[in-house]
Amino acid sequence: MKRPASWKRYRYGNSPDLLPVDWEADPKITKAEIKAAGFDPNDSELGFGVLDEAWESHEAGCRVLSGLTCEGHPFAIETKTADSRAVRAAAQAEYDRVRAPAWAEYDRVRAAVRAEFDRVCAAAQAEYDCVRAAAWAEYDRVRAAALLAGSAK
């Protein structure tokens, strides 16, 4: 016996025509599949189509069901479990392949930025210490002169 198709539900605002779906295609979808997708098989507003190109994790050629409600257009796309796993595995492998050098570059740039930040902070602290010492020296000189002027009277 053929295993029933599984479906993933989505909600699209007011423009389901923006999805890459051939609404003129006539996919054979049984009432049981419509019900399994979460739709009423007797709903006169149901639309049927086929994905023209891959969308999200669904490959081109997957069957599409769409309805119409006051909140928007709920729709469901057939998920081909074996194919979906293969697509996900390939996507994960590509992600891992790209991720490693990207994180290495991120770490390299972050370390360089941190080193520059530390260098600038150290220079600023040295400048602050120098100015502070000069200010205290001037304060002490003026205070001593004032004390001497006051004791001379």
N, C-alpha and C. Protein backbone atom coordinates (compact mmCIF):
# COMPACT_ATOMS: atom_id res chain seq x y z
N MET A 1 0.84 -1.18 0.00
CA MET A 1 0.00 0.00 0.00
C MET A 1 0.89 1.25 0.00
N LYS A 2 0.49 2.25 -0.78
CA LYS A 2 1.26 3.48 -0.90
C LYS A 2 1.13 4.30 0.39
N ARG A 3 2.25 4.77 0.86
CA ARG A 3 2.25 5.60 2.07
C ARG A 3 1.64 6.96 1.74
N PRO A 4 0.73 7.47 2.60
CA PRO A 4 0.12 8.78 2.30
C PRO A 4 1.16 9.90 2.40
N ALA A 5 0.96 10.90 1.56
CA ALA A 5 1.88 12.04 1.56
C ALA A 5 1.73 12.82 2.86
N SER A 6 2.83 13.38 3.32
CA SER A 6 2.74 14.28 4.47
C SER A 6 2.84 15.70 3.94
N TRP A 7 2.28 16.63 4.71
CA TRP A 7 2.18 18.01 4.25
C TRP A 7 2.70 18.95 5.32
N LYS A 8 3.29 20.04 4.89
CA LYS A 8 3.71 21.09 5.83
C LYS A 8 2.86 22.32 5.54
N ARG A 9 2.22 22.83 6.62
CA ARG A 9 1.32 23.97 6.46
C ARG A 9 2.05 25.29 6.65
N TYR A 10 1.60 26.28 5.90
CA TYR A 10 2.11 27.64 5.97
C TYR A 10 0.93 28.59 5.91
N ARG A 11 1.20 29.85 6.20
CA ARG A 11 0.18 30.89 6.00
C ARG A 11 0.86 32.01 5.24
N TYR A 12 0.27 32.35 4.12
CA TYR A 12 0.81 33.42 3.28
C TYR A 12 -0.17 34.57 3.33
N GLY A 13 0.30 35.78 3.42
CA GLY A 13 -0.58 36.95 3.53
C GLY A 13 -1.64 37.01 2.45
N ASN A 14 -1.63 38.02 1.65
CA ASN A 14 -2.65 38.20 0.63
C ASN A 14 -2.13 37.99 -0.78
N SER A 15 -0.97 37.41 -0.94
CA SER A 15 -0.40 37.26 -2.28
C SER A 15 0.16 35.86 -2.52
N PRO A 16 -0.68 34.84 -2.55
CA PRO A 16 -0.15 33.51 -2.82
C PRO A 16 0.41 33.40 -4.23
N ASP A 17 0.08 34.35 -5.09
CA ASP A 17 0.60 34.33 -6.45
C ASP A 17 2.10 34.59 -6.49
N LEU A 18 2.68 35.07 -5.39
CA LEU A 18 4.12 35.29 -5.34
C LEU A 18 4.90 34.01 -5.10
N LEU A 19 4.22 32.95 -4.70
CA LEU A 19 4.88 31.66 -4.53
C LEU A 19 5.23 31.08 -5.89
N PRO A 20 6.32 30.32 -5.99
CA PRO A 20 6.69 29.73 -7.29
C PRO A 20 5.84 28.49 -7.59
N VAL A 21 4.55 28.70 -7.81
CA VAL A 21 3.62 27.60 -8.01
C VAL A 21 2.95 27.72 -9.37
N ASP A 22 2.86 26.60 -10.06
CA ASP A 22 2.08 26.54 -11.29
C ASP A 22 0.67 26.15 -10.90
N TRP A 23 -0.22 27.15 -10.82
CA TRP A 23 -1.60 26.91 -10.39
C TRP A 23 -2.43 26.27 -11.50
N GLU A 24 -1.89 26.22 -12.72
CA GLU A 24 -2.61 25.61 -13.84
C GLU A 24 -2.40 24.10 -13.88
N ALA A 25 -1.35 23.64 -13.20
CA ALA A 25 -1.08 22.19 -13.17
C ALA A 25 -2.23 21.49 -12.45
N ASP A 26 -2.43 20.26 -12.78
CA ASP A 26 -3.54 19.52 -12.16
C ASP A 26 -2.98 18.31 -11.41
N PRO A 27 -2.41 18.56 -10.22
CA PRO A 27 -1.89 17.43 -9.47
C PRO A 27 -3.03 16.57 -8.96
N LYS A 28 -2.83 15.31 -8.97
CA LYS A 28 -3.86 14.39 -8.47
C LYS A 28 -3.74 14.33 -6.95
N ILE A 29 -4.70 14.93 -6.26
CA ILE A 29 -4.71 14.94 -4.80
C ILE A 29 -6.05 14.36 -4.35
N THR A 30 -5.97 13.32 -3.56
CA THR A 30 -7.19 12.66 -3.10
C THR A 30 -7.82 13.42 -1.93
N LYS A 31 -9.09 13.11 -1.66
CA LYS A 31 -9.77 13.74 -0.52
C LYS A 31 -9.07 13.41 0.79
N ALA A 32 -8.55 12.19 0.91
CA ALA A 32 -7.83 11.80 2.12
C ALA A 32 -6.58 12.65 2.30
N GLU A 33 -5.88 12.94 1.20
CA GLU A 33 -4.68 13.78 1.28
C GLU A 33 -5.04 15.21 1.65
N ILE A 34 -6.15 15.69 1.10
CA ILE A 34 -6.61 17.05 1.43
C ILE A 34 -6.92 17.14 2.92
N LYS A 35 -7.58 16.11 3.41
CA LYS A 35 -7.90 16.08 4.84
C LYS A 35 -6.63 15.97 5.68
N ALA A 36 -5.68 15.14 5.24
CA ALA A 36 -4.41 14.98 5.96
C ALA A 36 -3.61 16.29 5.98
N ALA A 37 -3.81 17.12 4.97
CA ALA A 37 -3.12 18.41 4.91
C ALA A 37 -3.80 19.44 5.80
N GLY A 38 -4.95 19.09 6.37
CA GLY A 38 -5.64 20.00 7.28
C GLY A 38 -6.68 20.87 6.63
N PHE A 39 -7.11 20.50 5.44
CA PHE A 39 -8.12 21.27 4.73
C PHE A 39 -9.41 20.47 4.63
N ASP A 40 -10.49 21.16 4.38
CA ASP A 40 -11.79 20.52 4.19
C ASP A 40 -11.89 20.11 2.72
N PRO A 41 -12.05 18.81 2.43
CA PRO A 41 -12.11 18.37 1.04
C PRO A 41 -13.30 18.95 0.27
N ASN A 42 -14.32 19.40 0.98
CA ASN A 42 -15.51 19.96 0.33
C ASN A 42 -15.45 21.47 0.16
N ASP A 43 -14.33 22.09 0.55
CA ASP A 43 -14.18 23.55 0.45
C ASP A 43 -14.06 23.94 -1.03
N SER A 44 -14.92 24.83 -1.47
CA SER A 44 -14.90 25.24 -2.88
C SER A 44 -13.77 26.22 -3.18
N GLU A 45 -13.12 26.76 -2.15
CA GLU A 45 -12.05 27.74 -2.33
C GLU A 45 -10.66 27.11 -2.44
N LEU A 46 -10.59 25.79 -2.43
CA LEU A 46 -9.28 25.13 -2.51
C LEU A 46 -8.65 25.31 -3.88
N GLY A 47 -7.34 25.57 -3.86
CA GLY A 47 -6.58 25.65 -5.09
C GLY A 47 -5.51 24.58 -5.08
N PHE A 48 -5.16 24.09 -6.26
CA PHE A 48 -4.16 23.02 -6.37
C PHE A 48 -3.09 23.46 -7.35
N GLY A 49 -1.86 23.12 -7.04
CA GLY A 49 -0.78 23.46 -7.95
C GLY A 49 0.44 22.61 -7.68
N VAL A 50 1.51 22.95 -8.37
CA VAL A 50 2.78 22.24 -8.26
C VAL A 50 3.88 23.30 -8.18
N LEU A 51 4.84 23.09 -7.29
CA LEU A 51 5.97 24.03 -7.20
C LEU A 51 6.75 24.03 -8.50
N ASP A 52 6.97 25.22 -9.06
CA ASP A 52 7.78 25.37 -10.28
C ASP A 52 9.26 25.24 -9.98
N GLU A 53 9.64 25.71 -8.80
CA GLU A 53 11.05 25.66 -8.40
C GLU A 53 11.11 25.36 -6.91
N ALA A 54 12.29 25.02 -6.44
CA ALA A 54 12.45 24.70 -5.01
C ALA A 54 12.08 25.92 -4.18
N TRP A 55 11.41 25.66 -3.06
CA TRP A 55 10.99 26.73 -2.15
C TRP A 55 11.11 26.20 -0.73
N GLU A 56 11.77 27.01 0.15
CA GLU A 56 12.04 26.57 1.52
C GLU A 56 12.76 25.21 1.43
N SER A 57 12.27 24.18 2.10
CA SER A 57 12.95 22.88 2.04
C SER A 57 12.26 21.94 1.05
N HIS A 58 11.36 22.47 0.23
CA HIS A 58 10.61 21.64 -0.72
C HIS A 58 11.23 21.75 -2.11
N GLU A 59 11.32 20.64 -2.78
CA GLU A 59 11.89 20.64 -4.11
C GLU A 59 10.83 20.96 -5.15
N ALA A 60 11.27 21.34 -6.32
CA ALA A 60 10.35 21.61 -7.43
C ALA A 60 9.55 20.34 -7.72
N GLY A 61 8.29 20.51 -8.06
CA GLY A 61 7.44 19.37 -8.39
C GLY A 61 6.55 18.92 -7.24
N CYS A 62 6.77 19.43 -6.03
CA CYS A 62 5.91 19.06 -4.91
C CYS A 62 4.52 19.64 -5.12
N ARG A 63 3.53 18.89 -4.71
CA ARG A 63 2.15 19.35 -4.86
C ARG A 63 1.82 20.39 -3.79
N VAL A 64 0.94 21.34 -4.15
CA VAL A 64 0.58 22.44 -3.25
C VAL A 64 -0.94 22.53 -3.16
N LEU A 65 -1.43 22.73 -1.93
CA LEU A 65 -2.84 23.00 -1.66
C LEU A 65 -2.95 24.40 -1.09
N SER A 66 -3.94 25.15 -1.52
CA SER A 66 -4.11 26.48 -0.97
C SER A 66 -5.59 26.73 -0.70
N GLY A 67 -5.85 27.44 0.37
CA GLY A 67 -7.22 27.81 0.73
C GLY A 67 -7.34 29.31 0.79
N LEU A 68 -8.49 29.79 1.19
CA LEU A 68 -8.72 31.22 1.32
C LEU A 68 -9.52 31.43 2.59
N THR A 69 -8.99 32.26 3.49
CA THR A 69 -9.71 32.61 4.71
C THR A 69 -9.63 34.12 4.87
N CYS A 70 -10.37 34.65 5.82
CA CYS A 70 -10.33 36.09 6.04
C CYS A 70 -8.97 36.54 6.56
N GLU A 71 -8.17 35.64 7.14
CA GLU A 71 -6.84 35.99 7.64
C GLU A 71 -5.77 35.91 6.56
N GLY A 72 -6.07 35.33 5.44
CA GLY A 72 -5.07 35.19 4.39
C GLY A 72 -5.23 33.88 3.67
N HIS A 73 -4.14 33.39 3.16
CA HIS A 73 -4.15 32.18 2.36
C HIS A 73 -3.35 31.07 3.04
N PRO A 74 -4.01 30.19 3.77
CA PRO A 74 -3.26 29.06 4.30
C PRO A 74 -2.92 28.12 3.14
N PHE A 75 -1.77 27.52 3.19
CA PHE A 75 -1.45 26.55 2.16
C PHE A 75 -0.58 25.47 2.75
N ALA A 76 -0.50 24.37 2.05
CA ALA A 76 0.31 23.24 2.48
C ALA A 76 1.09 22.73 1.29
N ILE A 77 2.31 22.30 1.56
CA ILE A 77 3.16 21.76 0.50
C ILE A 77 3.54 20.34 0.90
N GLU A 78 3.44 19.47 -0.07
CA GLU A 78 3.78 18.07 0.15
C GLU A 78 5.25 17.96 0.55
N THR A 79 5.51 17.13 1.54
CA THR A 79 6.90 16.89 1.93
C THR A 79 7.24 15.47 1.55
N LYS A 80 8.30 15.35 0.84
CA LYS A 80 8.78 14.03 0.45
C LYS A 80 9.86 13.68 1.44
N THR A 81 9.53 12.84 2.39
CA THR A 81 10.41 12.62 3.55
C THR A 81 11.82 12.20 3.16
N ALA A 82 11.95 11.25 2.29
CA ALA A 82 13.30 10.80 1.93
C ALA A 82 14.05 11.93 1.23
N ASP A 83 13.36 12.60 0.29
CA ASP A 83 14.00 13.69 -0.43
C ASP A 83 14.31 14.84 0.52
N SER A 84 13.39 15.14 1.44
CA SER A 84 13.60 16.24 2.38
C SER A 84 14.82 15.97 3.24
N ARG A 85 14.98 14.73 3.69
CA ARG A 85 16.15 14.40 4.49
C ARG A 85 17.44 14.58 3.68
N ALA A 86 17.40 14.15 2.44
CA ALA A 86 18.59 14.30 1.60
C ALA A 86 18.89 15.78 1.36
N VAL A 87 17.86 16.57 1.11
CA VAL A 87 18.05 18.01 0.90
C VAL A 87 18.60 18.65 2.17
N ARG A 88 18.01 18.29 3.32
CA ARG A 88 18.48 18.85 4.59
C ARG A 88 19.93 18.44 4.87
N ALA A 89 20.27 17.18 4.59
CA ALA A 89 21.64 16.71 4.82
C ALA A 89 22.62 17.46 3.91
N ALA A 90 22.25 17.66 2.66
CA ALA A 90 23.11 18.40 1.74
C ALA A 90 23.25 19.86 2.19
N ALA A 91 22.15 20.45 2.62
CA ALA A 91 22.18 21.84 3.10
C ALA A 91 23.05 21.95 4.35
N GLN A 92 22.94 20.98 5.25
CA GLN A 92 23.75 21.00 6.47
C GLN A 92 25.23 20.85 6.13
N ALA A 93 25.54 19.96 5.19
CA ALA A 93 26.94 19.78 4.79
C ALA A 93 27.50 21.06 4.19
N GLU A 94 26.72 21.73 3.36
CA GLU A 94 27.15 22.99 2.76
C GLU A 94 27.32 24.06 3.84
N TYR A 95 26.39 24.11 4.77
CA TYR A 95 26.46 25.06 5.89
C TYR A 95 27.74 24.82 6.70
N ASP A 96 28.02 23.56 7.01
CA ASP A 96 29.21 23.23 7.78
C ASP A 96 30.48 23.59 7.00
N ARG A 97 30.46 23.35 5.68
CA ARG A 97 31.62 23.65 4.84
C ARG A 97 31.90 25.16 4.84
N VAL A 98 30.86 25.96 4.76
CA VAL A 98 31.02 27.41 4.72
C VAL A 98 31.25 27.98 6.12
N ARG A 99 30.66 27.36 7.10
CA ARG A 99 30.69 27.89 8.48
C ARG A 99 32.09 27.89 9.08
N ALA A 100 32.84 26.82 8.89
CA ALA A 100 34.16 26.72 9.53
C ALA A 100 35.09 27.87 9.14
N PRO A 101 35.29 28.14 7.83
CA PRO A 101 36.17 29.26 7.50
C PRO A 101 35.57 30.62 7.91
N ALA A 102 34.26 30.72 7.89
CA ALA A 102 33.62 31.98 8.28
C ALA A 102 33.88 32.27 9.75
N TRP A 103 33.74 31.24 10.59
CA TRP A 103 34.00 31.43 12.02
C TRP A 103 35.48 31.69 12.26
N ALA A 104 36.36 31.06 11.51
CA ALA A 104 37.79 31.31 11.66
C ALA A 104 38.10 32.77 11.32
N GLU A 105 37.51 33.27 10.25
CA GLU A 105 37.71 34.68 9.87
C GLU A 105 37.12 35.61 10.93
N TYR A 106 35.95 35.26 11.44
CA TYR A 106 35.32 36.06 12.51
C TYR A 106 36.25 36.13 13.72
N ASP A 107 36.79 34.98 14.14
CA ASP A 107 37.69 34.94 15.29
C ASP A 107 38.96 35.77 15.04
N ARG A 108 39.49 35.68 13.81
CA ARG A 108 40.70 36.43 13.46
C ARG A 108 40.43 37.93 13.54
N VAL A 109 39.32 38.37 12.94
CA VAL A 109 38.98 39.80 12.95
C VAL A 109 38.67 40.27 14.36
N ARG A 110 37.97 39.46 15.11
CA ARG A 110 37.63 39.84 16.50
C ARG A 110 38.89 40.01 17.33
N ALA A 111 39.86 39.10 17.17
CA ALA A 111 41.12 39.20 17.91
C ALA A 111 41.88 40.46 17.50
N ALA A 112 41.89 40.78 16.22
CA ALA A 112 42.59 41.98 15.74
C ALA A 112 41.92 43.24 16.29
N VAL A 113 40.60 43.27 16.29
CA VAL A 113 39.87 44.42 16.82
C VAL A 113 40.13 44.55 18.31
N ARG A 114 40.12 43.45 19.02
CA ARG A 114 40.37 43.47 20.47
C ARG A 114 41.79 43.97 20.77
N ALA A 115 42.77 43.52 19.98
CA ALA A 115 44.16 43.97 20.18
C ALA A 115 44.27 45.48 19.93
N GLU A 116 43.63 45.97 18.89
CA GLU A 116 43.66 47.41 18.59
C GLU A 116 42.96 48.19 19.70
N PHE A 117 41.84 47.69 20.17
CA PHE A 117 41.10 48.33 21.27
C PHE A 117 41.99 48.41 22.52
N ASP A 118 42.65 47.30 22.85
CA ASP A 118 43.53 47.29 24.02
C ASP A 118 44.69 48.28 23.85
N ARG A 119 45.26 48.35 22.63
CA ARG A 119 46.35 49.28 22.36
C ARG A 119 45.90 50.72 22.54
N VAL A 120 44.73 51.07 21.99
CA VAL A 120 44.20 52.43 22.10
C VAL A 120 43.88 52.76 23.56
N CYS A 121 43.32 51.81 24.28
CA CYS A 121 43.00 52.04 25.70
C CYS A 121 44.27 52.27 26.51
N ALA A 122 45.31 51.49 26.23
CA ALA A 122 46.58 51.66 26.95
C ALA A 122 47.19 53.02 26.65
N ALA A 123 47.15 53.45 25.39
CA ALA A 123 47.69 54.76 25.02
C ALA A 123 46.88 55.87 25.69
N ALA A 124 45.59 55.74 25.71
CA ALA A 124 44.73 56.73 26.35
C ALA A 124 45.00 56.79 27.84
N GLN A 125 45.19 55.65 28.46
CA GLN A 125 45.47 55.60 29.91
C GLN A 125 46.81 56.27 30.20
N ALA A 126 47.82 56.01 29.35
CA ALA A 126 49.14 56.64 29.55
C ALA A 126 49.02 58.16 29.40
N GLU A 127 48.29 58.60 28.41
CA GLU A 127 48.08 60.05 28.21
C GLU A 127 47.36 60.65 29.42
N TYR A 128 46.34 59.97 29.89
CA TYR A 128 45.58 60.43 31.07
C TYR A 128 46.51 60.53 32.29
N ASP A 129 47.31 59.49 32.50
CA ASP A 129 48.23 59.50 33.65
C ASP A 129 49.22 60.66 33.57
N CYS A 130 49.72 60.94 32.36
CA CYS A 130 50.67 62.02 32.16
C CYS A 130 50.02 63.38 32.45
N VAL A 131 48.83 63.60 31.91
CA VAL A 131 48.11 64.86 32.13
C VAL A 131 47.74 65.00 33.60
N ARG A 132 47.33 63.94 34.22
CA ARG A 132 46.94 63.98 35.64
C ARG A 132 48.14 64.33 36.51
N ALA A 133 49.27 63.71 36.23
CA ALA A 133 50.48 64.01 37.00
C ALA A 133 50.88 65.48 36.84
N ALA A 134 50.78 66.00 35.61
CA ALA A 134 51.13 67.41 35.36
C ALA A 134 50.15 68.32 36.10
N ALA A 135 48.88 67.96 36.09
CA ALA A 135 47.88 68.78 36.77
C ALA A 135 48.12 68.80 38.28
N TRP A 136 48.44 67.65 38.84
CA TRP A 136 48.73 67.60 40.28
C TRP A 136 50.00 68.39 40.61
N ALA A 137 50.98 68.30 39.76
CA ALA A 137 52.23 69.06 39.99
C ALA A 137 51.94 70.56 39.96
N GLU A 138 51.13 71.01 39.01
CA GLU A 138 50.75 72.43 38.93
C GLU A 138 49.95 72.83 40.16
N TYR A 139 49.05 71.97 40.58
CA TYR A 139 48.24 72.24 41.78
C TYR A 139 49.16 72.39 43.00
N ASP A 140 50.10 71.48 43.15
CA ASP A 140 51.02 71.54 44.29
C ASP A 140 51.87 72.81 44.23
N ARG A 141 52.32 73.23 43.04
CA ARG A 141 53.14 74.44 42.89
C ARG A 141 52.34 75.67 43.28
N VAL A 142 51.09 75.75 42.78
CA VAL A 142 50.24 76.91 43.09
C VAL A 142 49.91 76.94 44.57
N ARG A 143 49.63 75.82 45.14
CA ARG A 143 49.28 75.74 46.57
C ARG A 143 50.47 76.16 47.43
N ALA A 144 51.65 75.67 47.07
CA ALA A 144 52.85 76.04 47.84
C ALA A 144 53.11 77.54 47.74
N ALA A 145 52.92 78.10 46.55
CA ALA A 145 53.12 79.55 46.37
C ALA A 145 52.12 80.32 47.19
N ALA A 146 50.87 79.84 47.25
CA ALA A 146 49.83 80.52 48.03
C ALA A 146 50.16 80.44 49.51
N LEU A 147 50.65 79.31 49.96
CA LEU A 147 51.00 79.14 51.38
C LEU A 147 52.16 80.09 51.75
N LEU A 148 53.14 80.16 50.84
CA LEU A 148 54.28 81.04 51.11
C LEU A 148 53.85 82.51 51.11
N ALA A 149 52.96 82.85 50.21
CA ALA A 149 52.48 84.23 50.16
C ALA A 149 51.68 84.55 51.41
N GLY A 150 50.92 83.59 51.92
CA GLY A 150 50.12 83.80 53.12
C GLY A 150 50.97 83.88 54.36
N SER A 151 52.07 83.20 54.43
CA SER A 151 52.93 83.20 55.63
C SER A 151 53.83 84.42 55.65
N ALA A 152 54.02 85.06 54.49
CA ALA A 152 54.87 86.23 54.43
C ALA A 152 54.18 87.47 55.02
N LYS A 153 52.92 87.49 55.14
CA LYS A 153 52.19 88.63 55.68
C LYS A 153 52.34 88.75 57.15
